[in-house]
Amino acid sequence: MHEWALAEAVIRTALALLEREKAKEILEVEVLIGELQQVDIDIFEMALNELKKETPMEKALITIKKEPARFKCRSCGAEWSLSEVEDELSEEEVESIHFIPELAHAFIKCPNCGSPDFDVVQGRGVWIGKIEVRK
């Protein structure tokens, strides 16, 4: 399960920052997950809670926030969110996009001009938004 690998990366990154800052404890970590990622939040959260045990972040509050997907048309410059076009997609298409975000171009077109040429400007990846430590 890739949720465990993602959780390990978050824990390793947080602990590396702790060491670099010469801090004693991690108090809080905010993790952002792009809407286009196929991450089971419950499994990811469970993995984070298991992996932080017996580390300097054992008592840390971990919050997980979803970042909505946003697109920008390369032809006309219009911007839109996945939620604005999701009703036009089948369940299978939505699932395909969540599984392989690059497939968005096969199923989504600019709602303004109909072009399939757009950038994903937000809503991909998993990253740490903030880390609070105690020195």
N, C-alpha and C. Protein backbone atom coordinates (compact mmCIF):
# COMPACT_ATOMS: atom_id res chain seq x y z
N MET A 1 0.84 -1.19 0.00
CA MET A 1 0.00 0.00 0.00
C MET A 1 0.87 1.24 0.00
N HIS A 2 0.60 2.14 -0.93
CA HIS A 2 1.43 3.33 -1.02
C HIS A 2 1.18 4.32 0.11
N GLU A 3 0.07 4.16 0.84
CA GLU A 3 -0.18 5.04 1.98
C GLU A 3 0.93 4.91 3.03
N TRP A 4 1.39 3.67 3.25
CA TRP A 4 2.46 3.45 4.23
C TRP A 4 3.76 4.10 3.76
N ALA A 5 4.07 3.98 2.48
CA ALA A 5 5.29 4.60 1.95
C ALA A 5 5.21 6.12 2.06
N LEU A 6 4.05 6.68 1.78
CA LEU A 6 3.87 8.13 1.92
C LEU A 6 4.01 8.54 3.38
N ALA A 7 3.41 7.76 4.27
CA ALA A 7 3.51 8.07 5.71
C ALA A 7 4.97 8.00 6.18
N GLU A 8 5.70 7.00 5.71
CA GLU A 8 7.13 6.90 6.07
C GLU A 8 7.89 8.12 5.60
N ALA A 9 7.59 8.60 4.40
CA ALA A 9 8.27 9.78 3.87
C ALA A 9 7.96 11.01 4.71
N VAL A 10 6.72 11.16 5.15
CA VAL A 10 6.34 12.29 6.00
C VAL A 10 7.09 12.22 7.33
N ILE A 11 7.10 11.05 7.95
CA ILE A 11 7.78 10.89 9.24
C ILE A 11 9.28 11.16 9.09
N ARG A 12 9.90 10.58 8.07
CA ARG A 12 11.34 10.80 7.84
C ARG A 12 11.65 12.28 7.63
N THR A 13 10.83 12.95 6.85
CA THR A 13 11.04 14.38 6.58
C THR A 13 10.91 15.20 7.86
N ALA A 14 9.88 14.91 8.64
CA ALA A 14 9.67 15.64 9.89
C ALA A 14 10.83 15.41 10.86
N LEU A 15 11.28 14.17 10.98
CA LEU A 15 12.38 13.86 11.89
C LEU A 15 13.70 14.47 11.40
N ALA A 16 13.89 14.55 10.10
CA ALA A 16 15.09 15.20 9.55
C ALA A 16 15.08 16.68 9.89
N LEU A 17 13.92 17.31 9.81
CA LEU A 17 13.81 18.72 10.17
C LEU A 17 14.09 18.90 11.66
N LEU A 18 13.57 18.01 12.48
CA LEU A 18 13.81 18.06 13.92
C LEU A 18 15.31 18.04 14.21
N GLU A 19 16.00 17.14 13.55
CA GLU A 19 17.45 17.02 13.74
C GLU A 19 18.19 18.27 13.23
N ARG A 20 17.80 18.74 12.06
CA ARG A 20 18.44 19.92 11.47
C ARG A 20 18.25 21.15 12.35
N GLU A 21 17.07 21.27 12.96
CA GLU A 21 16.76 22.42 13.82
C GLU A 21 17.27 22.23 15.25
N LYS A 22 17.82 21.04 15.53
CA LYS A 22 18.29 20.70 16.87
C LYS A 22 17.17 20.90 17.90
N ALA A 23 15.99 20.49 17.52
CA ALA A 23 14.82 20.60 18.39
C ALA A 23 14.64 19.29 19.17
N LYS A 24 13.78 19.33 20.18
CA LYS A 24 13.58 18.16 21.04
C LYS A 24 12.37 17.33 20.65
N GLU A 25 11.35 18.01 20.14
CA GLU A 25 10.09 17.31 19.93
C GLU A 25 9.31 17.99 18.81
N ILE A 26 8.58 17.19 18.07
CA ILE A 26 7.66 17.72 17.07
C ILE A 26 6.29 17.80 17.71
N LEU A 27 5.70 18.98 17.67
CA LEU A 27 4.40 19.20 18.31
C LEU A 27 3.24 19.04 17.34
N GLU A 28 3.45 19.47 16.09
CA GLU A 28 2.36 19.44 15.13
C GLU A 28 2.90 19.31 13.71
N VAL A 29 2.19 18.55 12.91
CA VAL A 29 2.52 18.39 11.49
C VAL A 29 1.21 18.52 10.70
N GLU A 30 1.25 19.37 9.68
CA GLU A 30 0.12 19.49 8.78
C GLU A 30 0.52 18.87 7.45
N VAL A 31 -0.26 17.90 7.00
CA VAL A 31 0.00 17.21 5.74
C VAL A 31 -1.09 17.58 4.75
N LEU A 32 -0.66 17.97 3.55
CA LEU A 32 -1.60 18.32 2.49
C LEU A 32 -1.59 17.22 1.44
N ILE A 33 -2.80 16.82 1.03
CA ILE A 33 -2.94 15.78 0.01
C ILE A 33 -3.77 16.34 -1.13
N GLY A 34 -3.20 16.29 -2.32
CA GLY A 34 -3.92 16.77 -3.49
C GLY A 34 -5.12 15.90 -3.79
N GLU A 35 -6.20 16.54 -4.21
CA GLU A 35 -7.44 15.84 -4.52
C GLU A 35 -7.26 14.78 -5.60
N LEU A 36 -6.29 14.99 -6.49
CA LEU A 36 -6.08 14.04 -7.58
C LEU A 36 -5.31 12.79 -7.16
N GLN A 37 -4.75 12.78 -5.97
CA GLN A 37 -4.03 11.62 -5.50
C GLN A 37 -5.01 10.57 -5.00
N GLN A 38 -4.69 9.35 -5.24
CA GLN A 38 -5.55 8.29 -4.72
C GLN A 38 -4.94 7.79 -3.42
N VAL A 39 -5.29 8.47 -2.35
CA VAL A 39 -4.78 8.12 -1.03
C VAL A 39 -5.97 7.81 -0.14
N ASP A 40 -5.95 6.65 0.46
CA ASP A 40 -6.98 6.30 1.44
C ASP A 40 -6.59 7.01 2.74
N ILE A 41 -7.32 8.06 3.06
CA ILE A 41 -6.98 8.90 4.22
C ILE A 41 -6.94 8.11 5.51
N ASP A 42 -7.87 7.19 5.71
CA ASP A 42 -7.90 6.40 6.95
C ASP A 42 -6.65 5.55 7.10
N ILE A 43 -6.24 4.89 6.02
CA ILE A 43 -5.02 4.06 6.07
C ILE A 43 -3.79 4.93 6.26
N PHE A 44 -3.74 6.06 5.55
CA PHE A 44 -2.62 6.99 5.66
C PHE A 44 -2.49 7.51 7.09
N GLU A 45 -3.61 7.90 7.68
CA GLU A 45 -3.61 8.41 9.05
C GLU A 45 -3.18 7.32 10.04
N MET A 46 -3.68 6.11 9.85
CA MET A 46 -3.29 5.00 10.71
C MET A 46 -1.78 4.74 10.60
N ALA A 47 -1.27 4.78 9.38
CA ALA A 47 0.17 4.56 9.17
C ALA A 47 0.99 5.65 9.86
N LEU A 48 0.57 6.90 9.72
CA LEU A 48 1.29 7.99 10.40
C LEU A 48 1.31 7.78 11.90
N ASN A 49 0.15 7.42 12.47
CA ASN A 49 0.07 7.23 13.92
C ASN A 49 0.91 6.05 14.39
N GLU A 50 1.00 4.99 13.61
CA GLU A 50 1.84 3.84 13.97
C GLU A 50 3.32 4.19 13.85
N LEU A 51 3.68 4.86 12.77
CA LEU A 51 5.10 5.14 12.50
C LEU A 51 5.70 6.20 13.42
N LYS A 52 4.85 7.04 13.99
CA LYS A 52 5.38 8.09 14.87
C LYS A 52 5.64 7.58 16.30
N LYS A 53 5.16 6.38 16.60
CA LYS A 53 5.35 5.82 17.94
C LYS A 53 6.85 5.67 18.24
N GLU A 54 7.18 5.94 19.50
CA GLU A 54 8.55 5.81 20.00
C GLU A 54 9.53 6.67 19.21
N THR A 55 9.05 7.83 18.75
CA THR A 55 9.91 8.82 18.10
C THR A 55 9.66 10.16 18.79
N PRO A 56 10.48 11.17 18.50
CA PRO A 56 10.24 12.50 19.09
C PRO A 56 8.96 13.18 18.58
N MET A 57 8.22 12.49 17.74
CA MET A 57 6.95 13.07 17.30
C MET A 57 5.76 12.21 17.74
N GLU A 58 6.01 11.36 18.73
CA GLU A 58 4.97 10.44 19.21
C GLU A 58 3.71 11.18 19.66
N LYS A 59 3.87 12.33 20.28
CA LYS A 59 2.71 13.08 20.80
C LYS A 59 2.23 14.16 19.83
N ALA A 60 2.83 14.23 18.67
CA ALA A 60 2.48 15.29 17.72
C ALA A 60 1.05 15.17 17.21
N LEU A 61 0.43 16.31 17.06
CA LEU A 61 -0.88 16.38 16.44
C LEU A 61 -0.64 16.40 14.92
N ILE A 62 -1.23 15.45 14.23
CA ILE A 62 -1.09 15.40 12.78
C ILE A 62 -2.45 15.72 12.17
N THR A 63 -2.47 16.78 11.37
CA THR A 63 -3.70 17.13 10.66
C THR A 63 -3.49 16.88 9.17
N ILE A 64 -4.52 16.38 8.54
CA ILE A 64 -4.46 16.07 7.12
C ILE A 64 -5.51 16.92 6.43
N LYS A 65 -5.07 17.67 5.43
CA LYS A 65 -5.98 18.52 4.67
C LYS A 65 -5.92 18.14 3.20
N LYS A 66 -7.07 18.15 2.56
CA LYS A 66 -7.14 17.89 1.13
C LYS A 66 -7.05 19.21 0.38
N GLU A 67 -6.22 19.23 -0.65
CA GLU A 67 -6.12 20.41 -1.50
C GLU A 67 -6.94 20.16 -2.76
N PRO A 68 -7.93 21.00 -3.04
CA PRO A 68 -8.77 20.79 -4.22
C PRO A 68 -7.96 20.91 -5.51
N ALA A 69 -8.35 20.13 -6.51
CA ALA A 69 -7.70 20.19 -7.82
C ALA A 69 -8.17 21.43 -8.57
N ARG A 70 -7.21 22.12 -9.20
CA ARG A 70 -7.51 23.29 -10.03
C ARG A 70 -6.76 23.12 -11.34
N PHE A 71 -7.41 23.57 -12.40
CA PHE A 71 -6.85 23.47 -13.74
C PHE A 71 -6.83 24.85 -14.38
N LYS A 72 -5.90 25.04 -15.35
CA LYS A 72 -5.84 26.30 -16.11
C LYS A 72 -5.65 25.97 -17.58
N CYS A 73 -6.55 26.48 -18.39
CA CYS A 73 -6.53 26.22 -19.83
C CYS A 73 -5.35 26.96 -20.46
N ARG A 74 -4.61 26.25 -21.29
CA ARG A 74 -3.49 26.87 -22.01
C ARG A 74 -3.98 27.67 -23.22
N SER A 75 -5.19 27.41 -23.66
CA SER A 75 -5.72 28.12 -24.84
C SER A 75 -6.35 29.45 -24.48
N CYS A 76 -7.26 29.44 -23.50
CA CYS A 76 -8.00 30.68 -23.19
C CYS A 76 -7.68 31.26 -21.82
N GLY A 77 -6.94 30.52 -20.98
CA GLY A 77 -6.56 31.03 -19.66
C GLY A 77 -7.59 30.83 -18.56
N ALA A 78 -8.72 30.20 -18.89
CA ALA A 78 -9.76 29.96 -17.87
C ALA A 78 -9.23 29.01 -16.80
N GLU A 79 -9.71 29.20 -15.58
CA GLU A 79 -9.37 28.31 -14.47
C GLU A 79 -10.65 27.69 -13.93
N TRP A 80 -10.54 26.44 -13.50
CA TRP A 80 -11.70 25.75 -12.93
C TRP A 80 -11.23 24.66 -11.98
N SER A 81 -12.17 24.16 -11.19
CA SER A 81 -11.86 23.09 -10.24
C SER A 81 -12.46 21.78 -10.73
N LEU A 82 -11.99 20.68 -10.18
CA LEU A 82 -12.53 19.38 -10.53
C LEU A 82 -14.01 19.30 -10.18
N SER A 83 -14.39 19.89 -9.07
CA SER A 83 -15.79 19.83 -8.65
C SER A 83 -16.72 20.51 -9.65
N GLU A 84 -16.21 21.48 -10.42
CA GLU A 84 -17.03 22.18 -11.41
C GLU A 84 -17.35 21.31 -12.62
N VAL A 85 -16.51 20.31 -12.91
CA VAL A 85 -16.72 19.48 -14.10
C VAL A 85 -17.00 18.02 -13.74
N GLU A 86 -16.96 17.69 -12.48
CA GLU A 86 -17.11 16.30 -12.04
C GLU A 86 -18.45 15.68 -12.43
N ASP A 87 -19.50 16.48 -12.45
CA ASP A 87 -20.83 15.95 -12.81
C ASP A 87 -20.89 15.47 -14.26
N GLU A 88 -19.99 15.99 -15.10
CA GLU A 88 -19.97 15.60 -16.51
C GLU A 88 -19.17 14.31 -16.74
N LEU A 89 -18.53 13.80 -15.69
CA LEU A 89 -17.69 12.61 -15.80
C LEU A 89 -18.40 11.40 -15.22
N SER A 90 -18.11 10.24 -15.80
CA SER A 90 -18.66 9.01 -15.24
C SER A 90 -17.86 8.65 -13.98
N GLU A 91 -18.41 7.76 -13.19
CA GLU A 91 -17.71 7.30 -11.98
C GLU A 91 -16.36 6.68 -12.33
N GLU A 92 -16.33 5.91 -13.42
CA GLU A 92 -15.08 5.27 -13.87
C GLU A 92 -14.04 6.30 -14.28
N GLU A 93 -14.49 7.38 -14.94
CA GLU A 93 -13.55 8.43 -15.36
C GLU A 93 -12.97 9.16 -14.16
N VAL A 94 -13.81 9.47 -13.19
CA VAL A 94 -13.34 10.13 -11.97
C VAL A 94 -12.33 9.23 -11.25
N GLU A 95 -12.65 7.95 -11.13
CA GLU A 95 -11.73 7.02 -10.47
C GLU A 95 -10.41 6.91 -11.24
N SER A 96 -10.49 6.89 -12.56
CA SER A 96 -9.28 6.82 -13.39
C SER A 96 -8.40 8.04 -13.15
N ILE A 97 -9.01 9.22 -13.07
CA ILE A 97 -8.25 10.46 -12.84
C ILE A 97 -7.60 10.43 -11.47
N HIS A 98 -8.30 9.93 -10.46
CA HIS A 98 -7.72 9.85 -9.13
C HIS A 98 -6.57 8.84 -9.10
N PHE A 99 -6.69 7.78 -9.88
CA PHE A 99 -5.65 6.75 -9.89
C PHE A 99 -4.43 7.19 -10.70
N ILE A 100 -4.68 7.80 -11.85
CA ILE A 100 -3.59 8.31 -12.71
C ILE A 100 -3.96 9.73 -13.11
N PRO A 101 -3.51 10.74 -12.36
CA PRO A 101 -3.90 12.13 -12.61
C PRO A 101 -3.66 12.61 -14.04
N GLU A 102 -2.67 12.05 -14.72
CA GLU A 102 -2.37 12.47 -16.09
C GLU A 102 -3.54 12.16 -17.04
N LEU A 103 -4.42 11.25 -16.64
CA LEU A 103 -5.58 10.91 -17.48
C LEU A 103 -6.62 12.03 -17.51
N ALA A 104 -6.47 13.02 -16.67
CA ALA A 104 -7.42 14.13 -16.65
C ALA A 104 -7.59 14.71 -18.05
N HIS A 105 -6.51 14.77 -18.82
CA HIS A 105 -6.55 15.35 -20.17
C HIS A 105 -7.40 14.52 -21.13
N ALA A 106 -7.57 13.24 -20.83
CA ALA A 106 -8.37 12.38 -21.70
C ALA A 106 -9.87 12.56 -21.43
N PHE A 107 -10.22 13.02 -20.24
CA PHE A 107 -11.63 13.07 -19.86
C PHE A 107 -12.17 14.48 -19.64
N ILE A 108 -11.30 15.43 -19.37
CA ILE A 108 -11.75 16.78 -19.02
C ILE A 108 -11.36 17.75 -20.14
N LYS A 109 -12.27 18.67 -20.40
CA LYS A 109 -12.00 19.75 -21.35
C LYS A 109 -12.32 21.07 -20.66
N CYS A 110 -11.68 22.12 -21.12
CA CYS A 110 -11.93 23.45 -20.55
C CYS A 110 -13.42 23.77 -20.67
N PRO A 111 -14.07 24.12 -19.57
CA PRO A 111 -15.50 24.44 -19.63
C PRO A 111 -15.78 25.74 -20.39
N ASN A 112 -14.74 26.54 -20.62
CA ASN A 112 -14.92 27.81 -21.33
C ASN A 112 -14.80 27.65 -22.85
N CYS A 113 -13.72 26.96 -23.30
CA CYS A 113 -13.48 26.88 -24.75
C CYS A 113 -13.48 25.45 -25.30
N GLY A 114 -13.53 24.44 -24.42
CA GLY A 114 -13.57 23.05 -24.86
C GLY A 114 -12.22 22.44 -25.16
N SER A 115 -11.14 23.14 -24.91
CA SER A 115 -9.80 22.62 -25.18
C SER A 115 -9.39 21.57 -24.15
N PRO A 116 -8.73 20.49 -24.60
CA PRO A 116 -8.19 19.51 -23.65
C PRO A 116 -6.76 19.87 -23.22
N ASP A 117 -6.29 21.05 -23.62
CA ASP A 117 -4.92 21.48 -23.34
C ASP A 117 -4.92 22.40 -22.11
N PHE A 118 -4.62 21.81 -20.95
CA PHE A 118 -4.64 22.58 -19.71
C PHE A 118 -3.55 22.07 -18.77
N ASP A 119 -3.24 22.89 -17.79
CA ASP A 119 -2.29 22.52 -16.75
C ASP A 119 -3.03 22.20 -15.47
N VAL A 120 -2.51 21.26 -14.71
CA VAL A 120 -3.00 21.01 -13.36
C VAL A 120 -2.18 21.95 -12.48
N VAL A 121 -2.82 22.98 -11.94
CA VAL A 121 -2.09 23.99 -11.18
C VAL A 121 -2.13 23.74 -9.67
N GLN A 122 -2.98 22.84 -9.26
CA GLN A 122 -3.10 22.56 -7.82
C GLN A 122 -3.83 21.24 -7.65
N GLY A 123 -3.50 20.52 -6.57
CA GLY A 123 -4.25 19.32 -6.23
C GLY A 123 -3.55 18.02 -6.54
N ARG A 124 -2.23 18.08 -6.75
CA ARG A 124 -1.45 16.86 -6.97
C ARG A 124 -0.43 16.73 -5.85
N GLY A 125 -0.08 15.52 -5.55
CA GLY A 125 1.00 15.28 -4.60
C GLY A 125 0.58 15.23 -3.15
N VAL A 126 1.57 14.90 -2.33
CA VAL A 126 1.43 14.86 -0.88
C VAL A 126 2.64 15.59 -0.33
N TRP A 127 2.43 16.55 0.55
CA TRP A 127 3.54 17.30 1.10
C TRP A 127 3.20 17.82 2.49
N ILE A 128 4.23 18.29 3.16
CA ILE A 128 4.07 18.83 4.51
C ILE A 128 3.83 20.33 4.39
N GLY A 129 2.72 20.78 4.95
CA GLY A 129 2.38 22.20 4.92
C GLY A 129 3.10 22.97 6.02
N LYS A 130 3.18 22.36 7.20
CA LYS A 130 3.90 23.01 8.31
C LYS A 130 4.30 21.96 9.34
N ILE A 131 5.35 22.31 10.05
CA ILE A 131 5.82 21.49 11.17
C ILE A 131 6.13 22.45 12.33
N GLU A 132 5.58 22.15 13.48
CA GLU A 132 5.86 22.94 14.68
C GLU A 132 6.69 22.08 15.62
N VAL A 133 7.81 22.63 16.08
CA VAL A 133 8.71 21.89 16.97
C VAL A 133 8.87 22.62 18.29
N ARG A 134 9.36 21.86 19.30
CA ARG A 134 9.74 22.44 20.59
C ARG A 134 11.24 22.32 20.69
N LYS A 135 11.90 23.45 20.89
CA LYS A 135 13.37 23.47 20.93
C LYS A 135 13.92 23.00 22.24
